[in-house]
Amino acid sequence: MMLFPEHLADRYRRFKYRHFAPNLDYYEELARNGQNPDVMIVSCCDSRVDPETIFSAMPGELFVVRNVANIVPPYETDGRYHGVSAALEFAALNLRVKHIVVMGHSGCGGIRACLEQSAARQSEAQFISNWMSILEEGRQKVLQAGAGRSIPELRTELERVGIKISLRNLRSFPCVKTLESKGRLHLHGAYFDIATGSLFVLNEATDEFVPI
């Protein structure tokens, strides 16, 4: 029988005594009253990019969904499993969040796999290529407009284009479209640079990312 990783057990004990115990009343309130976040964040599952850390959030303040390359798939009702879509629906209709943020980041492995189509060359890869195909339109545009640019530059561009595609896909969900049109829901794009700690927010009027 494989033992639970000791370094995780040790960090849990540290959390229990250094964070949980001093905030016991807060956690009891969360347990009693449930969650009521006003922000949902769609983020990458990259271990270097943690929304709660970046935004200094306490438990209960952010509703976070993480997946490869922080992608929002387009709305569809094919009867299959849709984890991201279910989370979006729950956040919009049940939690009634006021903001949904799609947050990409520098050095994204999923974006690199999409740009270079490296996952398609791996015989054991069954899911990544299909997932990243959601950004194929953006990939083609970046490649066509990026003649003479370096691969790292193209990756950075596709990381940001991917955020814009996910925002467009968000608006394909009827509940999101309706709530946004009524001013009850606001959509945002953000980009985090791991090396510098800089956060850029999409200005949809100019289609440019600007630093905070």
N, C-alpha and C. Protein backbone atom coordinates (compact mmCIF):
# COMPACT_ATOMS: atom_id res chain seq x y z
N MET A 1 0.85 -1.20 0.00
CA MET A 1 0.00 0.00 0.00
C MET A 1 0.88 1.25 0.00
N MET A 2 0.62 2.16 -0.94
CA MET A 2 1.42 3.38 -1.03
C MET A 2 0.98 4.37 0.04
N LEU A 3 1.95 4.93 0.76
CA LEU A 3 1.66 5.88 1.80
C LEU A 3 1.34 7.25 1.21
N PHE A 4 0.51 7.98 1.91
CA PHE A 4 0.21 9.34 1.51
C PHE A 4 1.50 10.16 1.57
N PRO A 5 1.77 11.03 0.58
CA PRO A 5 3.03 11.79 0.57
C PRO A 5 3.25 12.53 1.88
N GLU A 6 4.37 12.26 2.53
CA GLU A 6 4.63 12.83 3.84
C GLU A 6 4.74 14.35 3.79
N HIS A 7 5.30 14.89 2.69
CA HIS A 7 5.43 16.35 2.64
C HIS A 7 4.07 17.04 2.57
N LEU A 8 3.05 16.33 1.99
CA LEU A 8 1.71 16.88 1.98
C LEU A 8 1.08 16.80 3.36
N ALA A 9 1.29 15.69 4.03
CA ALA A 9 0.77 15.54 5.39
C ALA A 9 1.37 16.60 6.31
N ASP A 10 2.66 16.86 6.15
CA ASP A 10 3.34 17.85 6.97
C ASP A 10 2.79 19.26 6.69
N ARG A 11 2.54 19.55 5.41
CA ARG A 11 2.00 20.87 5.07
C ARG A 11 0.56 21.02 5.53
N TYR A 12 -0.17 19.91 5.53
CA TYR A 12 -1.53 19.98 6.08
C TYR A 12 -1.49 20.32 7.56
N ARG A 13 -0.62 19.68 8.30
CA ARG A 13 -0.51 19.96 9.74
C ARG A 13 -0.15 21.43 9.97
N ARG A 14 0.74 21.95 9.12
CA ARG A 14 1.13 23.35 9.22
C ARG A 14 -0.07 24.26 8.97
N PHE A 15 -0.86 23.91 7.94
CA PHE A 15 -2.09 24.68 7.65
C PHE A 15 -3.06 24.62 8.83
N LYS A 16 -3.22 23.43 9.39
CA LYS A 16 -4.21 23.24 10.46
C LYS A 16 -3.90 24.12 11.68
N TYR A 17 -2.63 24.21 12.02
CA TYR A 17 -2.27 24.92 13.24
C TYR A 17 -1.94 26.40 13.01
N ARG A 18 -1.40 26.73 11.82
CA ARG A 18 -0.99 28.11 11.57
C ARG A 18 -2.07 28.95 10.91
N HIS A 19 -2.96 28.29 10.17
CA HIS A 19 -3.98 29.05 9.44
C HIS A 19 -5.39 28.71 9.89
N PHE A 20 -5.72 27.44 9.95
CA PHE A 20 -7.09 27.05 10.28
C PHE A 20 -7.45 27.41 11.72
N ALA A 21 -6.62 27.02 12.66
CA ALA A 21 -6.94 27.26 14.07
C ALA A 21 -7.14 28.74 14.40
N PRO A 22 -6.28 29.65 13.91
CA PRO A 22 -6.51 31.07 14.21
C PRO A 22 -7.76 31.65 13.54
N ASN A 23 -8.28 30.95 12.52
CA ASN A 23 -9.45 31.44 11.79
C ASN A 23 -10.63 30.48 11.93
N LEU A 24 -10.70 29.83 13.07
CA LEU A 24 -11.73 28.81 13.28
C LEU A 24 -13.14 29.37 13.11
N ASP A 25 -13.38 30.56 13.64
CA ASP A 25 -14.72 31.15 13.52
C ASP A 25 -15.10 31.39 12.06
N TYR A 26 -14.12 31.81 11.27
CA TYR A 26 -14.36 32.07 9.84
C TYR A 26 -14.75 30.78 9.12
N TYR A 27 -14.02 29.70 9.40
CA TYR A 27 -14.32 28.42 8.75
C TYR A 27 -15.65 27.85 9.22
N GLU A 28 -15.98 28.06 10.49
CA GLU A 28 -17.28 27.59 10.99
C GLU A 28 -18.42 28.34 10.29
N GLU A 29 -18.20 29.63 10.03
CA GLU A 29 -19.20 30.42 9.32
C GLU A 29 -19.36 29.92 7.89
N LEU A 30 -18.22 29.61 7.23
CA LEU A 30 -18.29 29.06 5.87
C LEU A 30 -19.05 27.74 5.85
N ALA A 31 -18.78 26.89 6.82
CA ALA A 31 -19.45 25.59 6.88
C ALA A 31 -20.94 25.75 7.14
N ARG A 32 -21.30 26.74 7.95
CA ARG A 32 -22.69 26.95 8.33
C ARG A 32 -23.49 27.63 7.22
N ASN A 33 -22.90 28.64 6.59
CA ASN A 33 -23.64 29.47 5.64
C ASN A 33 -23.37 29.15 4.17
N GLY A 34 -22.38 28.32 3.90
CA GLY A 34 -22.06 28.00 2.51
C GLY A 34 -21.21 29.08 1.86
N GLN A 35 -20.93 28.91 0.59
CA GLN A 35 -20.08 29.86 -0.13
C GLN A 35 -20.91 30.95 -0.81
N ASN A 36 -20.30 32.11 -0.93
CA ASN A 36 -20.98 33.23 -1.59
C ASN A 36 -19.95 34.11 -2.32
N PRO A 37 -19.14 33.52 -3.19
CA PRO A 37 -18.14 34.33 -3.91
C PRO A 37 -18.81 35.19 -4.97
N ASP A 38 -18.22 36.35 -5.25
CA ASP A 38 -18.77 37.18 -6.32
C ASP A 38 -17.91 37.12 -7.57
N VAL A 39 -16.82 36.32 -7.52
CA VAL A 39 -15.91 36.20 -8.65
C VAL A 39 -15.65 34.73 -8.97
N MET A 40 -15.76 34.39 -10.24
CA MET A 40 -15.33 33.09 -10.73
C MET A 40 -14.08 33.29 -11.58
N ILE A 41 -13.10 32.42 -11.41
CA ILE A 41 -11.89 32.49 -12.21
C ILE A 41 -11.68 31.18 -12.94
N VAL A 42 -11.49 31.27 -14.25
CA VAL A 42 -11.11 30.11 -15.05
C VAL A 42 -9.61 30.24 -15.28
N SER A 43 -8.86 29.33 -14.67
CA SER A 43 -7.41 29.43 -14.68
C SER A 43 -6.81 28.13 -15.19
N CYS A 44 -5.53 28.19 -15.53
CA CYS A 44 -4.80 27.00 -15.97
C CYS A 44 -4.47 26.13 -14.75
N CYS A 45 -4.36 24.84 -14.97
CA CYS A 45 -4.00 23.93 -13.88
C CYS A 45 -2.49 23.89 -13.65
N ASP A 46 -1.74 24.73 -14.35
CA ASP A 46 -0.29 24.83 -14.15
C ASP A 46 -0.01 25.10 -12.67
N SER A 47 0.90 24.31 -12.09
CA SER A 47 1.17 24.41 -10.65
C SER A 47 1.80 25.72 -10.24
N ARG A 48 2.30 26.50 -11.22
CA ARG A 48 2.96 27.77 -10.91
C ARG A 48 1.99 28.94 -10.83
N VAL A 49 0.74 28.69 -11.21
CA VAL A 49 -0.23 29.79 -11.30
C VAL A 49 -1.43 29.47 -10.42
N ASP A 50 -1.46 30.06 -9.25
CA ASP A 50 -2.52 29.78 -8.28
C ASP A 50 -3.35 31.05 -8.05
N PRO A 51 -4.60 31.09 -8.50
CA PRO A 51 -5.41 32.30 -8.39
C PRO A 51 -5.57 32.80 -6.96
N GLU A 52 -5.77 31.88 -6.01
CA GLU A 52 -5.96 32.30 -4.63
C GLU A 52 -4.72 33.02 -4.10
N THR A 53 -3.54 32.54 -4.50
CA THR A 53 -2.31 33.20 -4.07
C THR A 53 -2.14 34.55 -4.75
N ILE A 54 -2.35 34.58 -6.07
CA ILE A 54 -2.17 35.81 -6.84
C ILE A 54 -3.08 36.92 -6.35
N PHE A 55 -4.32 36.57 -5.98
CA PHE A 55 -5.28 37.58 -5.56
C PHE A 55 -5.46 37.62 -4.03
N SER A 56 -4.54 37.00 -3.32
CA SER A 56 -4.55 37.03 -1.84
C SER A 56 -5.94 36.71 -1.30
N ALA A 57 -6.54 35.63 -1.78
CA ALA A 57 -7.92 35.30 -1.43
C ALA A 57 -8.00 34.30 -0.29
N MET A 58 -8.96 34.51 0.56
CA MET A 58 -9.30 33.56 1.61
C MET A 58 -10.27 32.53 1.04
N PRO A 59 -10.38 31.35 1.68
CA PRO A 59 -11.38 30.38 1.25
C PRO A 59 -12.77 31.01 1.24
N GLY A 60 -13.54 30.69 0.19
CA GLY A 60 -14.88 31.22 0.07
C GLY A 60 -14.98 32.48 -0.76
N GLU A 61 -13.84 33.08 -1.13
CA GLU A 61 -13.88 34.35 -1.85
C GLU A 61 -13.84 34.20 -3.36
N LEU A 62 -13.26 33.11 -3.86
CA LEU A 62 -13.15 32.89 -5.30
C LEU A 62 -13.70 31.51 -5.64
N PHE A 63 -14.47 31.45 -6.73
CA PHE A 63 -14.92 30.16 -7.27
C PHE A 63 -14.01 29.87 -8.46
N VAL A 64 -13.15 28.86 -8.33
CA VAL A 64 -12.08 28.64 -9.30
C VAL A 64 -12.27 27.33 -10.04
N VAL A 65 -12.14 27.41 -11.36
CA VAL A 65 -12.11 26.22 -12.21
C VAL A 65 -10.77 26.23 -12.94
N ARG A 66 -10.04 25.13 -12.85
CA ARG A 66 -8.73 25.07 -13.49
C ARG A 66 -8.70 23.92 -14.50
N ASN A 67 -8.14 24.20 -15.65
CA ASN A 67 -7.98 23.17 -16.67
C ASN A 67 -6.75 23.49 -17.51
N VAL A 68 -6.40 22.61 -18.43
CA VAL A 68 -5.25 22.84 -19.29
C VAL A 68 -5.48 24.07 -20.16
N ALA A 69 -4.63 25.07 -20.00
CA ALA A 69 -4.63 26.31 -20.80
C ALA A 69 -5.82 27.21 -20.56
N ASN A 70 -6.46 27.07 -19.38
CA ASN A 70 -7.57 27.97 -18.98
C ASN A 70 -8.58 28.21 -20.10
N ILE A 71 -9.03 27.11 -20.71
CA ILE A 71 -9.94 27.20 -21.85
C ILE A 71 -11.39 27.11 -21.42
N VAL A 72 -12.23 27.95 -22.01
CA VAL A 72 -13.68 27.81 -21.91
C VAL A 72 -14.15 27.22 -23.23
N PRO A 73 -14.75 26.04 -23.22
CA PRO A 73 -15.24 25.46 -24.48
C PRO A 73 -16.50 26.18 -24.94
N PRO A 74 -16.83 26.09 -26.21
CA PRO A 74 -18.07 26.71 -26.69
C PRO A 74 -19.29 25.98 -26.13
N TYR A 75 -20.39 26.67 -26.06
CA TYR A 75 -21.64 26.08 -25.59
C TYR A 75 -22.09 24.98 -26.55
N GLU A 76 -22.43 23.84 -26.00
CA GLU A 76 -22.98 22.74 -26.80
C GLU A 76 -23.77 21.82 -25.88
N THR A 77 -24.71 21.11 -26.44
CA THR A 77 -25.56 20.21 -25.67
C THR A 77 -25.57 18.84 -26.32
N ASP A 78 -24.41 18.20 -26.37
CA ASP A 78 -24.32 16.90 -27.03
C ASP A 78 -24.56 15.75 -26.07
N GLY A 79 -24.89 16.07 -24.82
CA GLY A 79 -25.20 15.01 -23.87
C GLY A 79 -24.00 14.36 -23.24
N ARG A 80 -22.81 14.86 -23.51
CA ARG A 80 -21.61 14.27 -22.93
C ARG A 80 -21.23 15.00 -21.64
N TYR A 81 -20.04 14.67 -21.14
CA TYR A 81 -19.61 15.26 -19.88
C TYR A 81 -18.96 16.62 -20.13
N HIS A 82 -19.40 17.63 -19.40
CA HIS A 82 -18.88 18.99 -19.60
C HIS A 82 -18.59 19.62 -18.25
N GLY A 83 -17.42 19.32 -17.71
CA GLY A 83 -17.08 19.83 -16.39
C GLY A 83 -16.98 21.33 -16.32
N VAL A 84 -16.30 21.95 -17.28
CA VAL A 84 -16.16 23.40 -17.27
C VAL A 84 -17.52 24.06 -17.48
N SER A 85 -18.29 23.55 -18.41
CA SER A 85 -19.61 24.13 -18.69
C SER A 85 -20.52 24.02 -17.47
N ALA A 86 -20.45 22.90 -16.77
CA ALA A 86 -21.28 22.72 -15.57
C ALA A 86 -20.88 23.72 -14.49
N ALA A 87 -19.58 23.95 -14.34
CA ALA A 87 -19.10 24.91 -13.34
C ALA A 87 -19.54 26.32 -13.70
N LEU A 88 -19.48 26.67 -14.99
CA LEU A 88 -19.93 28.00 -15.42
C LEU A 88 -21.41 28.19 -15.14
N GLU A 89 -22.18 27.19 -15.46
CA GLU A 89 -23.62 27.26 -15.23
C GLU A 89 -23.93 27.41 -13.74
N PHE A 90 -23.23 26.64 -12.91
CA PHE A 90 -23.44 26.71 -11.47
C PHE A 90 -23.07 28.08 -10.93
N ALA A 91 -21.93 28.61 -11.40
CA ALA A 91 -21.48 29.92 -10.93
C ALA A 91 -22.45 31.02 -11.32
N ALA A 92 -22.93 30.97 -12.56
CA ALA A 92 -23.81 32.03 -13.07
C ALA A 92 -25.21 31.95 -12.49
N LEU A 93 -25.77 30.74 -12.41
CA LEU A 93 -27.18 30.61 -12.02
C LEU A 93 -27.39 30.33 -10.55
N ASN A 94 -26.47 29.61 -9.92
CA ASN A 94 -26.65 29.26 -8.51
C ASN A 94 -25.90 30.20 -7.57
N LEU A 95 -24.62 30.42 -7.85
CA LEU A 95 -23.85 31.33 -7.01
C LEU A 95 -24.11 32.79 -7.36
N ARG A 96 -24.56 33.02 -8.59
CA ARG A 96 -24.83 34.38 -9.08
C ARG A 96 -23.62 35.29 -8.93
N VAL A 97 -22.49 34.80 -9.40
CA VAL A 97 -21.28 35.61 -9.36
C VAL A 97 -21.47 36.85 -10.23
N LYS A 98 -20.73 37.90 -9.88
CA LYS A 98 -20.84 39.15 -10.63
C LYS A 98 -19.75 39.29 -11.68
N HIS A 99 -18.69 38.50 -11.54
CA HIS A 99 -17.56 38.60 -12.46
C HIS A 99 -17.04 37.21 -12.80
N ILE A 100 -16.68 37.02 -14.07
CA ILE A 100 -15.97 35.82 -14.49
C ILE A 100 -14.68 36.28 -15.15
N VAL A 101 -13.57 35.79 -14.64
CA VAL A 101 -12.25 36.15 -15.15
C VAL A 101 -11.60 34.93 -15.79
N VAL A 102 -11.20 35.06 -17.05
CA VAL A 102 -10.40 34.03 -17.71
C VAL A 102 -8.95 34.48 -17.59
N MET A 103 -8.15 33.72 -16.85
CA MET A 103 -6.77 34.14 -16.58
C MET A 103 -5.76 33.17 -17.20
N GLY A 104 -5.05 33.65 -18.22
CA GLY A 104 -3.96 32.88 -18.82
C GLY A 104 -2.64 33.25 -18.19
N HIS A 105 -1.57 32.66 -18.69
CA HIS A 105 -0.26 32.93 -18.09
C HIS A 105 0.87 32.65 -19.07
N SER A 106 2.04 33.14 -18.73
CA SER A 106 3.22 32.93 -19.56
C SER A 106 3.71 31.49 -19.44
N GLY A 107 4.37 31.03 -20.48
CA GLY A 107 4.98 29.70 -20.46
C GLY A 107 3.99 28.56 -20.32
N CYS A 108 2.81 28.69 -20.89
CA CYS A 108 1.77 27.66 -20.75
C CYS A 108 2.10 26.43 -21.60
N GLY A 109 2.18 25.28 -20.95
CA GLY A 109 2.49 24.05 -21.66
C GLY A 109 1.41 23.62 -22.63
N GLY A 110 0.16 23.86 -22.27
CA GLY A 110 -0.94 23.51 -23.17
C GLY A 110 -0.91 24.33 -24.44
N ILE A 111 -0.61 25.63 -24.29
CA ILE A 111 -0.51 26.50 -25.45
C ILE A 111 0.67 26.07 -26.33
N ARG A 112 1.76 25.69 -25.70
CA ARG A 112 2.91 25.22 -26.48
C ARG A 112 2.55 23.97 -27.27
N ALA A 113 1.82 23.05 -26.62
CA ALA A 113 1.39 21.82 -27.30
C ALA A 113 0.47 22.15 -28.47
N CYS A 114 -0.37 23.16 -28.28
CA CYS A 114 -1.28 23.57 -29.36
C CYS A 114 -0.51 24.17 -30.52
N LEU A 115 0.40 25.08 -30.21
CA LEU A 115 1.15 25.77 -31.26
C LEU A 115 2.02 24.81 -32.05
N GLU A 116 2.72 23.92 -31.34
CA GLU A 116 3.65 23.01 -31.99
C GLU A 116 3.01 21.68 -32.35
N GLN A 117 1.75 21.48 -31.88
CA GLN A 117 1.02 20.22 -32.09
C GLN A 117 1.85 19.03 -31.64
N SER A 118 2.52 19.20 -30.52
CA SER A 118 3.39 18.14 -30.00
C SER A 118 2.61 16.98 -29.40
N ALA A 119 1.43 17.29 -28.81
CA ALA A 119 0.64 16.22 -28.21
C ALA A 119 0.18 15.21 -29.25
N ALA A 120 -0.07 15.70 -30.47
CA ALA A 120 -0.54 14.82 -31.54
C ALA A 120 0.52 13.80 -31.94
N ARG A 121 1.79 14.10 -31.62
CA ARG A 121 2.87 13.19 -31.98
C ARG A 121 3.17 12.17 -30.88
N GLN A 122 2.46 12.27 -29.76
CA GLN A 122 2.66 11.34 -28.66
C GLN A 122 1.62 10.23 -28.76
N SER A 123 2.07 9.02 -28.93
CA SER A 123 1.15 7.90 -29.17
C SER A 123 0.21 7.65 -28.00
N GLU A 124 0.61 7.99 -26.77
CA GLU A 124 -0.21 7.72 -25.60
C GLU A 124 -1.15 8.88 -25.26
N ALA A 125 -0.99 10.02 -25.90
CA ALA A 125 -1.83 11.18 -25.61
C ALA A 125 -3.21 10.99 -26.26
N GLN A 126 -4.25 10.94 -25.44
CA GLN A 126 -5.60 10.69 -25.94
C GLN A 126 -6.52 11.91 -25.86
N PHE A 127 -6.19 12.86 -25.01
CA PHE A 127 -7.13 13.93 -24.74
C PHE A 127 -6.63 15.34 -25.03
N ILE A 128 -5.34 15.58 -24.89
CA ILE A 128 -4.83 16.94 -24.98
C ILE A 128 -5.07 17.57 -26.35
N SER A 129 -4.78 16.81 -27.41
CA SER A 129 -4.94 17.36 -28.76
C SER A 129 -6.38 17.79 -29.02
N ASN A 130 -7.32 16.96 -28.60
CA ASN A 130 -8.73 17.28 -28.82
C ASN A 130 -9.13 18.52 -28.03
N TRP A 131 -8.65 18.61 -26.78
CA TRP A 131 -8.96 19.77 -25.95
C TRP A 131 -8.38 21.04 -26.54
N MET A 132 -7.12 20.98 -26.96
CA MET A 132 -6.46 22.16 -27.48
C MET A 132 -6.96 22.55 -28.87
N SER A 133 -7.68 21.65 -29.53
CA SER A 133 -8.23 21.99 -30.85
C SER A 133 -9.26 23.12 -30.76
N ILE A 134 -9.75 23.40 -29.55
CA ILE A 134 -10.67 24.52 -29.35
C ILE A 134 -10.00 25.83 -29.77
N LEU A 135 -8.68 25.87 -29.69
CA LEU A 135 -7.93 27.08 -30.05
C LEU A 135 -7.33 27.02 -31.45
N GLU A 136 -7.74 26.05 -32.25
CA GLU A 136 -7.13 25.88 -33.57
C GLU A 136 -7.29 27.12 -34.44
N GLU A 137 -8.45 27.75 -34.38
CA GLU A 137 -8.67 28.97 -35.17
C GLU A 137 -7.65 30.04 -34.77
N GLY A 138 -7.44 30.19 -33.48
CA GLY A 138 -6.46 31.17 -33.01
C GLY A 138 -5.05 30.79 -33.39
N ARG A 139 -4.75 29.52 -33.35
CA ARG A 139 -3.42 29.04 -33.75
C ARG A 139 -3.12 29.41 -35.19
N GLN A 140 -4.08 29.19 -36.06
CA GLN A 140 -3.89 29.49 -37.48
C GLN A 140 -3.67 30.99 -37.69
N LYS A 141 -4.43 31.81 -36.99
CA LYS A 141 -4.29 33.26 -37.14
C LYS A 141 -2.93 33.74 -36.64
N VAL A 142 -2.48 33.19 -35.52
CA VAL A 142 -1.18 33.58 -34.96
C VAL A 142 -0.05 33.18 -35.91
N LEU A 143 -0.14 31.98 -36.46
CA LEU A 143 0.91 31.52 -37.38
C LEU A 143 0.91 32.36 -38.67
N GLN A 144 -0.27 32.66 -39.18
CA GLN A 144 -0.35 33.43 -40.43
C GLN A 144 0.15 34.86 -40.26
N ALA A 145 -0.10 35.43 -39.09
CA ALA A 145 0.30 36.82 -38.86
C ALA A 145 1.69 36.94 -38.26
N GLY A 146 2.29 35.79 -37.92
CA GLY A 146 3.55 35.83 -37.19
C GLY A 146 4.77 35.45 -37.98
N ALA A 147 4.75 35.63 -39.27
CA ALA A 147 5.91 35.29 -40.09
C ALA A 147 7.14 36.07 -39.61
N GLY A 148 8.22 35.34 -39.38
CA GLY A 148 9.46 35.97 -38.96
C GLY A 148 9.60 36.15 -37.46
N ARG A 149 8.55 35.87 -36.70
CA ARG A 149 8.62 36.00 -35.25
C ARG A 149 9.13 34.71 -34.62
N SER A 150 9.74 34.82 -33.47
CA SER A 150 10.29 33.65 -32.79
C SER A 150 9.18 32.79 -32.18
N ILE A 151 9.50 31.53 -31.91
CA ILE A 151 8.53 30.63 -31.29
C ILE A 151 8.05 31.16 -29.94
N PRO A 152 8.94 31.64 -29.05
CA PRO A 152 8.45 32.20 -27.78
C PRO A 152 7.48 33.36 -27.98
N GLU A 153 7.73 34.21 -28.98
CA GLU A 153 6.82 35.32 -29.25
C GLU A 153 5.46 34.81 -29.71
N LEU A 154 5.47 33.78 -30.53
CA LEU A 154 4.21 33.21 -31.02
C LEU A 154 3.44 32.55 -29.89
N ARG A 155 4.17 31.90 -28.98
CA ARG A 155 3.50 31.28 -27.83
C ARG A 155 2.82 32.34 -26.97
N THR A 156 3.53 33.42 -26.71
CA THR A 156 2.95 34.49 -25.90
C THR A 156 1.70 35.05 -26.57
N GLU A 157 1.76 35.23 -27.87
CA GLU A 157 0.61 35.75 -28.62
C GLU A 157 -0.57 34.79 -28.53
N LEU A 158 -0.31 33.50 -28.69
CA LEU A 158 -1.39 32.51 -28.64
C LEU A 158 -1.95 32.39 -27.22
N GLU A 159 -1.11 32.56 -26.21
CA GLU A 159 -1.60 32.55 -24.83
C GLU A 159 -2.66 33.65 -24.65
N ARG A 160 -2.41 34.80 -25.23
CA ARG A 160 -3.34 35.92 -25.09
C ARG A 160 -4.55 35.77 -26.02
N VAL A 161 -4.32 35.25 -27.21
CA VAL A 161 -5.44 35.00 -28.13
C VAL A 161 -6.38 33.96 -27.53
N GLY A 162 -5.81 32.97 -26.85
CA GLY A 162 -6.62 31.93 -26.22
C GLY A 162 -7.59 32.51 -25.20
N ILE A 163 -7.15 33.51 -24.46
CA ILE A 163 -8.03 34.18 -23.49
C ILE A 163 -9.21 34.83 -24.21
N LYS A 164 -8.93 35.47 -25.33
CA LYS A 164 -9.99 36.15 -26.10
C LYS A 164 -10.98 35.14 -26.67
N ILE A 165 -10.47 33.99 -27.12
CA ILE A 165 -11.37 32.96 -27.64
C ILE A 165 -12.25 32.42 -26.53
N SER A 166 -11.69 32.23 -25.35
CA SER A 166 -12.49 31.73 -24.23
C SER A 166 -13.56 32.73 -23.82
N LEU A 167 -13.25 34.02 -23.88
CA LEU A 167 -14.27 35.03 -23.59
C LEU A 167 -15.39 34.97 -24.63
N ARG A 168 -15.02 34.78 -25.87
CA ARG A 168 -16.04 34.65 -26.92
C ARG A 168 -16.89 33.41 -26.68
N ASN A 169 -16.24 32.31 -26.29
CA ASN A 169 -16.99 31.09 -26.00
C ASN A 169 -17.90 31.26 -24.79
N LEU A 170 -17.44 32.02 -23.81
CA LEU A 170 -18.30 32.30 -22.65
C LEU A 170 -19.61 32.93 -23.08
N ARG A 171 -19.52 33.84 -24.02
CA ARG A 171 -20.71 34.56 -24.47
C ARG A 171 -21.61 33.69 -25.35
N SER A 172 -21.18 32.48 -25.67
CA SER A 172 -22.04 31.56 -26.41
C SER A 172 -23.00 30.82 -25.48
N PHE A 173 -22.77 30.91 -24.16
CA PHE A 173 -23.68 30.29 -23.18
C PHE A 173 -24.88 31.21 -22.97
N PRO A 174 -26.09 30.73 -23.20
CA PRO A 174 -27.27 31.58 -23.07
C PRO A 174 -27.37 32.30 -21.73
N CYS A 175 -27.09 31.59 -20.64
CA CYS A 175 -27.23 32.22 -19.33
C CYS A 175 -26.21 33.34 -19.14
N VAL A 176 -25.00 33.15 -19.64
CA VAL A 176 -23.98 34.18 -19.54
C VAL A 176 -24.35 35.39 -20.39
N LYS A 177 -24.78 35.11 -21.61
CA LYS A 177 -25.16 36.20 -22.53
C LYS A 177 -26.29 37.03 -21.95
N THR A 178 -27.29 36.37 -21.38
CA THR A 178 -28.43 37.08 -20.81
C THR A 178 -28.03 37.92 -19.61
N LEU A 179 -27.25 37.34 -18.71
CA LEU A 179 -26.85 38.05 -17.50
C LEU A 179 -25.93 39.23 -17.83
N GLU A 180 -25.06 39.05 -18.82
CA GLU A 180 -24.18 40.15 -19.20
C GLU A 180 -24.98 41.29 -19.82
N SER A 181 -25.95 40.94 -20.63
CA SER A 181 -26.76 41.98 -21.28
C SER A 181 -27.57 42.78 -20.27
N LYS A 182 -27.87 42.18 -19.13
CA LYS A 182 -28.63 42.87 -18.08
C LYS A 182 -27.71 43.60 -17.10
N GLY A 183 -26.40 43.50 -17.31
CA GLY A 183 -25.46 44.16 -16.43
C GLY A 183 -25.24 43.46 -15.10
N ARG A 184 -25.71 42.23 -15.01
CA ARG A 184 -25.56 41.48 -13.75
C ARG A 184 -24.32 40.60 -13.74
N LEU A 185 -23.63 40.50 -14.87
CA LEU A 185 -22.43 39.69 -14.96
C LEU A 185 -21.43 40.42 -15.86
N HIS A 186 -20.17 40.42 -15.44
CA HIS A 186 -19.12 41.10 -16.19
C HIS A 186 -18.00 40.12 -16.47
N LEU A 187 -17.52 40.11 -17.71
CA LEU A 187 -16.48 39.18 -18.14
C LEU A 187 -15.15 39.91 -18.28
N HIS A 188 -14.08 39.24 -17.90
CA HIS A 188 -12.76 39.85 -17.91
C HIS A 188 -11.71 38.85 -18.41
N GLY A 189 -10.71 39.37 -19.09
CA GLY A 189 -9.55 38.57 -19.48
C GLY A 189 -8.33 39.08 -18.73
N ALA A 190 -7.50 38.17 -18.26
CA ALA A 190 -6.29 38.56 -17.53
C ALA A 190 -5.14 37.64 -17.92
N TYR A 191 -3.93 38.18 -17.81
CA TYR A 191 -2.73 37.42 -18.21
C TYR A 191 -1.65 37.65 -17.15
N PHE A 192 -1.14 36.55 -16.58
CA PHE A 192 -0.15 36.63 -15.51
C PHE A 192 1.21 36.21 -16.03
N ASP A 193 2.21 37.07 -15.83
CA ASP A 193 3.58 36.75 -16.21
C ASP A 193 4.30 36.16 -15.00
N ILE A 194 4.67 34.90 -15.10
CA ILE A 194 5.24 34.19 -13.95
C ILE A 194 6.57 34.80 -13.52
N ALA A 195 7.42 35.14 -14.46
CA ALA A 195 8.77 35.60 -14.14
C ALA A 195 8.78 36.96 -13.44
N THR A 196 7.85 37.83 -13.80
CA THR A 196 7.85 39.19 -13.25
C THR A 196 6.75 39.43 -12.22
N GLY A 197 5.76 38.53 -12.18
CA GLY A 197 4.63 38.73 -11.28
C GLY A 197 3.66 39.78 -11.77
N SER A 198 3.80 40.19 -13.03
CA SER A 198 2.93 41.23 -13.59
C SER A 198 1.59 40.65 -14.03
N LEU A 199 0.54 41.42 -13.81
CA LEU A 199 -0.79 41.02 -14.24
C LEU A 199 -1.29 42.02 -15.27
N PHE A 200 -1.75 41.52 -16.41
CA PHE A 200 -2.28 42.35 -17.48
C PHE A 200 -3.77 42.04 -17.65
N VAL A 201 -4.56 43.07 -17.85
CA VAL A 201 -6.00 42.91 -18.00
C VAL A 201 -6.41 43.35 -19.40
N LEU A 202 -7.30 42.58 -20.01
CA LEU A 202 -7.74 42.87 -21.37
C LEU A 202 -8.69 44.05 -21.41
N ASN A 203 -8.34 45.04 -22.21
CA ASN A 203 -9.25 46.14 -22.53
C ASN A 203 -9.95 45.75 -23.82
N GLU A 204 -11.20 45.34 -23.73
CA GLU A 204 -11.87 44.83 -24.92
C GLU A 204 -12.18 45.93 -25.92
N ALA A 205 -12.17 47.16 -25.49
CA ALA A 205 -12.41 48.27 -26.42
C ALA A 205 -11.26 48.44 -27.38
N THR A 206 -10.04 48.19 -26.88
CA THR A 206 -8.84 48.34 -27.72
C THR A 206 -8.25 46.99 -28.14
N ASP A 207 -8.76 45.91 -27.53
CA ASP A 207 -8.28 44.55 -27.80
C ASP A 207 -6.82 44.38 -27.36
N GLU A 208 -6.42 45.15 -26.35
CA GLU A 208 -5.05 45.08 -25.85
C GLU A 208 -5.04 44.74 -24.37
N PHE A 209 -3.95 44.05 -23.95
CA PHE A 209 -3.76 43.76 -22.54
C PHE A 209 -2.93 44.89 -21.91
N VAL A 210 -3.44 45.43 -20.81
CA VAL A 210 -2.76 46.55 -20.16
C VAL A 210 -2.39 46.13 -18.73
N PRO A 211 -1.23 46.57 -18.24
CA PRO A 211 -0.81 46.17 -16.89
C PRO A 211 -1.61 46.86 -15.79
N ILE A 212 -1.79 46.15 -14.71
CA ILE A 212 -2.43 46.76 -13.53
C ILE A 212 -1.36 47.49 -12.73
